[in-house]
Amino acid sequence: MCMVTDNLALVHYVLRRKFKMDQKQQMYEDLFQVGCIGLMKACDGFDESRGAFSTYAVFTIQGYILRELRERGSLLYVPRKEYVKTIS
């Protein structure tokens, strides 16, 4: 767990630099939480023989954030069954 708290700045870095997000935006906190989940998964799967942790973690964090953006796509959450009702 110490590895996660020591590397929280990586999540901020990914959101600011890679996704051009500002802390004032509404979705920032949600994506930060998803990025933290990605950081935890990166800590679980990291092998020291593979190289630097930050490189491995940045790609894992980006993957989790991209997956969240693809699944949600908007600021408002609409349950799938409600979405299907509105289409039909």
N, C-alpha and C. Protein backbone atom coordinates (compact mmCIF):
# COMPACT_ATOMS: atom_id res chain seq x y z
N MET A 1 0.82 -1.21 0.00
CA MET A 1 0.00 0.00 0.00
C MET A 1 0.86 1.26 0.00
N CYS A 2 2.04 1.15 0.57
CA CYS A 2 2.94 2.30 0.60
C CYS A 2 3.34 2.71 -0.82
N MET A 3 3.47 1.73 -1.69
CA MET A 3 3.84 2.01 -3.07
C MET A 3 2.75 2.82 -3.78
N VAL A 4 1.50 2.58 -3.40
CA VAL A 4 0.38 3.31 -4.01
C VAL A 4 0.42 4.77 -3.56
N THR A 5 0.54 5.01 -2.26
CA THR A 5 0.52 6.39 -1.76
C THR A 5 1.73 7.18 -2.24
N ASP A 6 2.87 6.49 -2.43
CA ASP A 6 4.06 7.19 -2.90
C ASP A 6 3.97 7.60 -4.36
N ASN A 7 3.09 6.97 -5.12
CA ASN A 7 3.01 7.22 -6.56
C ASN A 7 1.68 7.82 -7.01
N LEU A 8 0.93 8.44 -6.11
CA LEU A 8 -0.33 9.08 -6.51
C LEU A 8 -0.11 10.23 -7.50
N ALA A 9 1.07 10.80 -7.47
CA ALA A 9 1.36 11.88 -8.42
C ALA A 9 1.33 11.39 -9.86
N LEU A 10 1.57 10.10 -10.06
CA LEU A 10 1.48 9.54 -11.41
C LEU A 10 0.07 9.67 -11.98
N VAL A 11 -0.93 9.49 -11.13
CA VAL A 11 -2.32 9.61 -11.60
C VAL A 11 -2.60 11.05 -12.00
N HIS A 12 -2.14 12.01 -11.19
CA HIS A 12 -2.30 13.42 -11.56
C HIS A 12 -1.57 13.72 -12.86
N TYR A 13 -0.38 13.18 -13.01
CA TYR A 13 0.40 13.40 -14.22
C TYR A 13 -0.34 12.90 -15.46
N VAL A 14 -0.87 11.69 -15.37
CA VAL A 14 -1.57 11.11 -16.52
C VAL A 14 -2.80 11.95 -16.87
N LEU A 15 -3.56 12.36 -15.88
CA LEU A 15 -4.76 13.15 -16.16
C LEU A 15 -4.42 14.52 -16.73
N ARG A 16 -3.38 15.17 -16.20
CA ARG A 16 -3.03 16.50 -16.68
C ARG A 16 -2.35 16.47 -18.04
N ARG A 17 -1.36 15.61 -18.20
CA ARG A 17 -0.55 15.63 -19.42
C ARG A 17 -1.15 14.82 -20.56
N LYS A 18 -1.62 13.64 -20.27
CA LYS A 18 -2.07 12.75 -21.34
C LYS A 18 -3.51 13.03 -21.75
N PHE A 19 -4.36 13.43 -20.79
CA PHE A 19 -5.78 13.65 -21.09
C PHE A 19 -6.18 15.12 -21.04
N LYS A 20 -5.22 16.00 -20.79
CA LYS A 20 -5.47 17.46 -20.76
C LYS A 20 -6.62 17.83 -19.83
N MET A 21 -6.67 17.18 -18.66
CA MET A 21 -7.74 17.43 -17.69
C MET A 21 -7.28 18.47 -16.68
N ASP A 22 -8.19 19.29 -16.25
CA ASP A 22 -7.94 20.28 -15.21
C ASP A 22 -8.69 19.85 -13.95
N GLN A 23 -8.16 20.17 -12.78
CA GLN A 23 -8.80 19.75 -11.54
C GLN A 23 -10.17 20.40 -11.34
N LYS A 24 -10.46 21.44 -12.08
CA LYS A 24 -11.75 22.12 -11.94
C LYS A 24 -12.87 21.41 -12.69
N GLN A 25 -12.52 20.53 -13.59
CA GLN A 25 -13.54 19.84 -14.37
C GLN A 25 -14.26 18.81 -13.50
N GLN A 26 -15.54 18.60 -13.80
CA GLN A 26 -16.37 17.73 -12.98
C GLN A 26 -15.92 16.28 -13.02
N MET A 27 -15.47 15.82 -14.15
CA MET A 27 -15.12 14.42 -14.32
C MET A 27 -13.75 14.07 -13.73
N TYR A 28 -12.98 15.08 -13.34
CA TYR A 28 -11.62 14.86 -12.86
C TYR A 28 -11.57 13.93 -11.66
N GLU A 29 -12.44 14.15 -10.68
CA GLU A 29 -12.42 13.33 -9.47
C GLU A 29 -12.78 11.88 -9.78
N ASP A 30 -13.76 11.68 -10.65
CA ASP A 30 -14.13 10.31 -11.01
C ASP A 30 -12.98 9.61 -11.73
N LEU A 31 -12.36 10.31 -12.66
CA LEU A 31 -11.25 9.70 -13.39
C LEU A 31 -10.03 9.51 -12.50
N PHE A 32 -9.86 10.39 -11.51
CA PHE A 32 -8.76 10.21 -10.56
C PHE A 32 -8.96 8.93 -9.75
N GLN A 33 -10.19 8.66 -9.34
CA GLN A 33 -10.47 7.43 -8.60
C GLN A 33 -10.21 6.20 -9.47
N VAL A 34 -10.62 6.26 -10.71
CA VAL A 34 -10.37 5.14 -11.63
C VAL A 34 -8.86 4.97 -11.84
N GLY A 35 -8.15 6.08 -11.96
CA GLY A 35 -6.70 6.03 -12.10
C GLY A 35 -6.03 5.42 -10.88
N CYS A 36 -6.57 5.68 -9.70
CA CYS A 36 -6.04 5.08 -8.47
C CYS A 36 -6.25 3.57 -8.47
N ILE A 37 -7.38 3.13 -8.99
CA ILE A 37 -7.60 1.68 -9.12
C ILE A 37 -6.57 1.08 -10.07
N GLY A 38 -6.31 1.78 -11.17
CA GLY A 38 -5.28 1.33 -12.10
C GLY A 38 -3.90 1.28 -11.45
N LEU A 39 -3.62 2.26 -10.59
CA LEU A 39 -2.34 2.28 -9.87
C LEU A 39 -2.23 1.10 -8.92
N MET A 40 -3.33 0.76 -8.24
CA MET A 40 -3.31 -0.40 -7.35
C MET A 40 -3.08 -1.69 -8.13
N LYS A 41 -3.72 -1.82 -9.29
CA LYS A 41 -3.52 -3.01 -10.12
C LYS A 41 -2.08 -3.05 -10.64
N ALA A 42 -1.50 -1.89 -10.94
CA ALA A 42 -0.12 -1.85 -11.40
C ALA A 42 0.83 -2.29 -10.28
N CYS A 43 0.53 -1.91 -9.06
CA CYS A 43 1.35 -2.35 -7.92
C CYS A 43 1.27 -3.85 -7.73
N ASP A 44 0.08 -4.41 -7.94
CA ASP A 44 -0.08 -5.86 -7.79
C ASP A 44 0.68 -6.63 -8.87
N GLY A 45 0.66 -6.13 -10.09
CA GLY A 45 1.23 -6.88 -11.20
C GLY A 45 2.66 -6.53 -11.55
N PHE A 46 3.29 -5.63 -10.80
CA PHE A 46 4.64 -5.18 -11.15
C PHE A 46 5.68 -6.21 -10.76
N ASP A 47 6.61 -6.43 -11.69
CA ASP A 47 7.74 -7.32 -11.46
C ASP A 47 9.01 -6.48 -11.61
N GLU A 48 9.85 -6.47 -10.58
CA GLU A 48 11.02 -5.60 -10.59
C GLU A 48 12.00 -5.90 -11.71
N SER A 49 11.97 -7.11 -12.23
CA SER A 49 12.90 -7.45 -13.30
C SER A 49 12.49 -6.85 -14.65
N ARG A 50 11.28 -6.30 -14.71
CA ARG A 50 10.77 -5.76 -15.99
C ARG A 50 11.23 -4.34 -16.26
N GLY A 51 11.69 -3.62 -15.26
CA GLY A 51 12.14 -2.25 -15.49
C GLY A 51 11.56 -1.29 -14.48
N ALA A 52 11.40 -0.02 -14.89
CA ALA A 52 10.94 1.03 -13.99
C ALA A 52 9.45 0.90 -13.70
N PHE A 53 9.09 1.14 -12.45
CA PHE A 53 7.68 1.04 -12.06
C PHE A 53 6.84 2.12 -12.72
N SER A 54 7.38 3.33 -12.80
CA SER A 54 6.58 4.45 -13.31
C SER A 54 6.14 4.21 -14.75
N THR A 55 7.00 3.65 -15.56
CA THR A 55 6.64 3.36 -16.96
C THR A 55 5.51 2.35 -17.02
N TYR A 56 5.63 1.30 -16.24
CA TYR A 56 4.59 0.26 -16.20
C TYR A 56 3.28 0.82 -15.67
N ALA A 57 3.37 1.64 -14.61
CA ALA A 57 2.16 2.17 -13.97
C ALA A 57 1.43 3.16 -14.87
N VAL A 58 2.16 3.99 -15.60
CA VAL A 58 1.52 4.99 -16.46
C VAL A 58 0.66 4.31 -17.52
N PHE A 59 1.17 3.24 -18.12
CA PHE A 59 0.38 2.54 -19.13
C PHE A 59 -0.84 1.86 -18.52
N THR A 60 -0.70 1.32 -17.32
CA THR A 60 -1.84 0.69 -16.66
C THR A 60 -2.89 1.72 -16.28
N ILE A 61 -2.47 2.85 -15.75
CA ILE A 61 -3.40 3.93 -15.37
C ILE A 61 -4.13 4.45 -16.60
N GLN A 62 -3.39 4.67 -17.69
CA GLN A 62 -4.02 5.13 -18.94
C GLN A 62 -5.07 4.14 -19.43
N GLY A 63 -4.76 2.87 -19.33
CA GLY A 63 -5.70 1.85 -19.78
C GLY A 63 -6.99 1.88 -19.00
N TYR A 64 -6.89 2.02 -17.67
CA TYR A 64 -8.10 2.05 -16.85
C TYR A 64 -8.91 3.32 -17.12
N ILE A 65 -8.23 4.45 -17.30
CA ILE A 65 -8.95 5.70 -17.56
C ILE A 65 -9.62 5.65 -18.94
N LEU A 66 -8.91 5.14 -19.94
CA LEU A 66 -9.51 5.01 -21.28
C LEU A 66 -10.72 4.09 -21.27
N ARG A 67 -10.62 2.98 -20.54
CA ARG A 67 -11.75 2.05 -20.45
C ARG A 67 -12.96 2.75 -19.80
N GLU A 68 -12.71 3.53 -18.77
CA GLU A 68 -13.80 4.24 -18.10
C GLU A 68 -14.43 5.27 -19.04
N LEU A 69 -13.61 5.99 -19.78
CA LEU A 69 -14.14 6.98 -20.72
C LEU A 69 -14.95 6.31 -21.83
N ARG A 70 -14.48 5.15 -22.30
CA ARG A 70 -15.21 4.43 -23.34
C ARG A 70 -16.55 3.91 -22.83
N GLU A 71 -16.55 3.39 -21.60
CA GLU A 71 -17.79 2.82 -21.06
C GLU A 71 -18.80 3.90 -20.71
N ARG A 72 -18.34 4.98 -20.11
CA ARG A 72 -19.26 6.03 -19.70
C ARG A 72 -19.58 6.97 -20.83
N GLY A 73 -18.58 7.57 -21.37
CA GLY A 73 -18.76 8.42 -22.53
C GLY A 73 -19.40 9.77 -22.25
N SER A 74 -20.08 9.92 -21.14
CA SER A 74 -20.72 11.20 -20.84
C SER A 74 -20.63 11.46 -19.34
N LEU A 75 -21.02 12.66 -18.95
CA LEU A 75 -20.98 13.00 -17.54
C LEU A 75 -22.12 12.37 -16.76
N LEU A 76 -23.23 12.11 -17.43
CA LEU A 76 -24.38 11.53 -16.76
C LEU A 76 -24.40 10.03 -16.95
N TYR A 77 -24.64 9.31 -15.89
CA TYR A 77 -24.71 7.86 -15.96
C TYR A 77 -26.14 7.45 -16.25
N VAL A 78 -26.34 6.72 -17.33
CA VAL A 78 -27.66 6.21 -17.70
C VAL A 78 -27.57 4.69 -17.62
N PRO A 79 -28.39 4.05 -16.78
CA PRO A 79 -28.35 2.59 -16.70
C PRO A 79 -28.63 1.96 -18.06
N ARG A 80 -28.02 0.83 -18.33
CA ARG A 80 -28.11 0.19 -19.64
C ARG A 80 -29.55 -0.12 -20.03
N LYS A 81 -30.36 -0.65 -19.09
CA LYS A 81 -31.73 -1.00 -19.46
C LYS A 81 -32.55 0.25 -19.79
N GLU A 82 -32.28 1.37 -19.14
CA GLU A 82 -32.97 2.62 -19.48
C GLU A 82 -32.52 3.11 -20.86
N TYR A 83 -31.23 2.95 -21.15
CA TYR A 83 -30.69 3.36 -22.45
C TYR A 83 -31.34 2.54 -23.57
N VAL A 84 -31.50 1.26 -23.34
CA VAL A 84 -32.11 0.40 -24.35
C VAL A 84 -33.58 0.76 -24.55
N LYS A 85 -34.29 1.12 -23.47
CA LYS A 85 -35.69 1.53 -23.59
C LYS A 85 -35.82 2.79 -24.46
N THR A 86 -34.91 3.75 -24.28
CA THR A 86 -35.03 5.00 -25.03
C THR A 86 -34.71 4.80 -26.50
N ILE A 87 -33.87 3.82 -26.82
CA ILE A 87 -33.53 3.56 -28.22
C ILE A 87 -34.69 2.88 -28.94
N SER A 88 -35.33 1.90 -28.29
CA SER A 88 -36.40 1.14 -28.95
C SER A 88 -37.68 1.90 -29.07
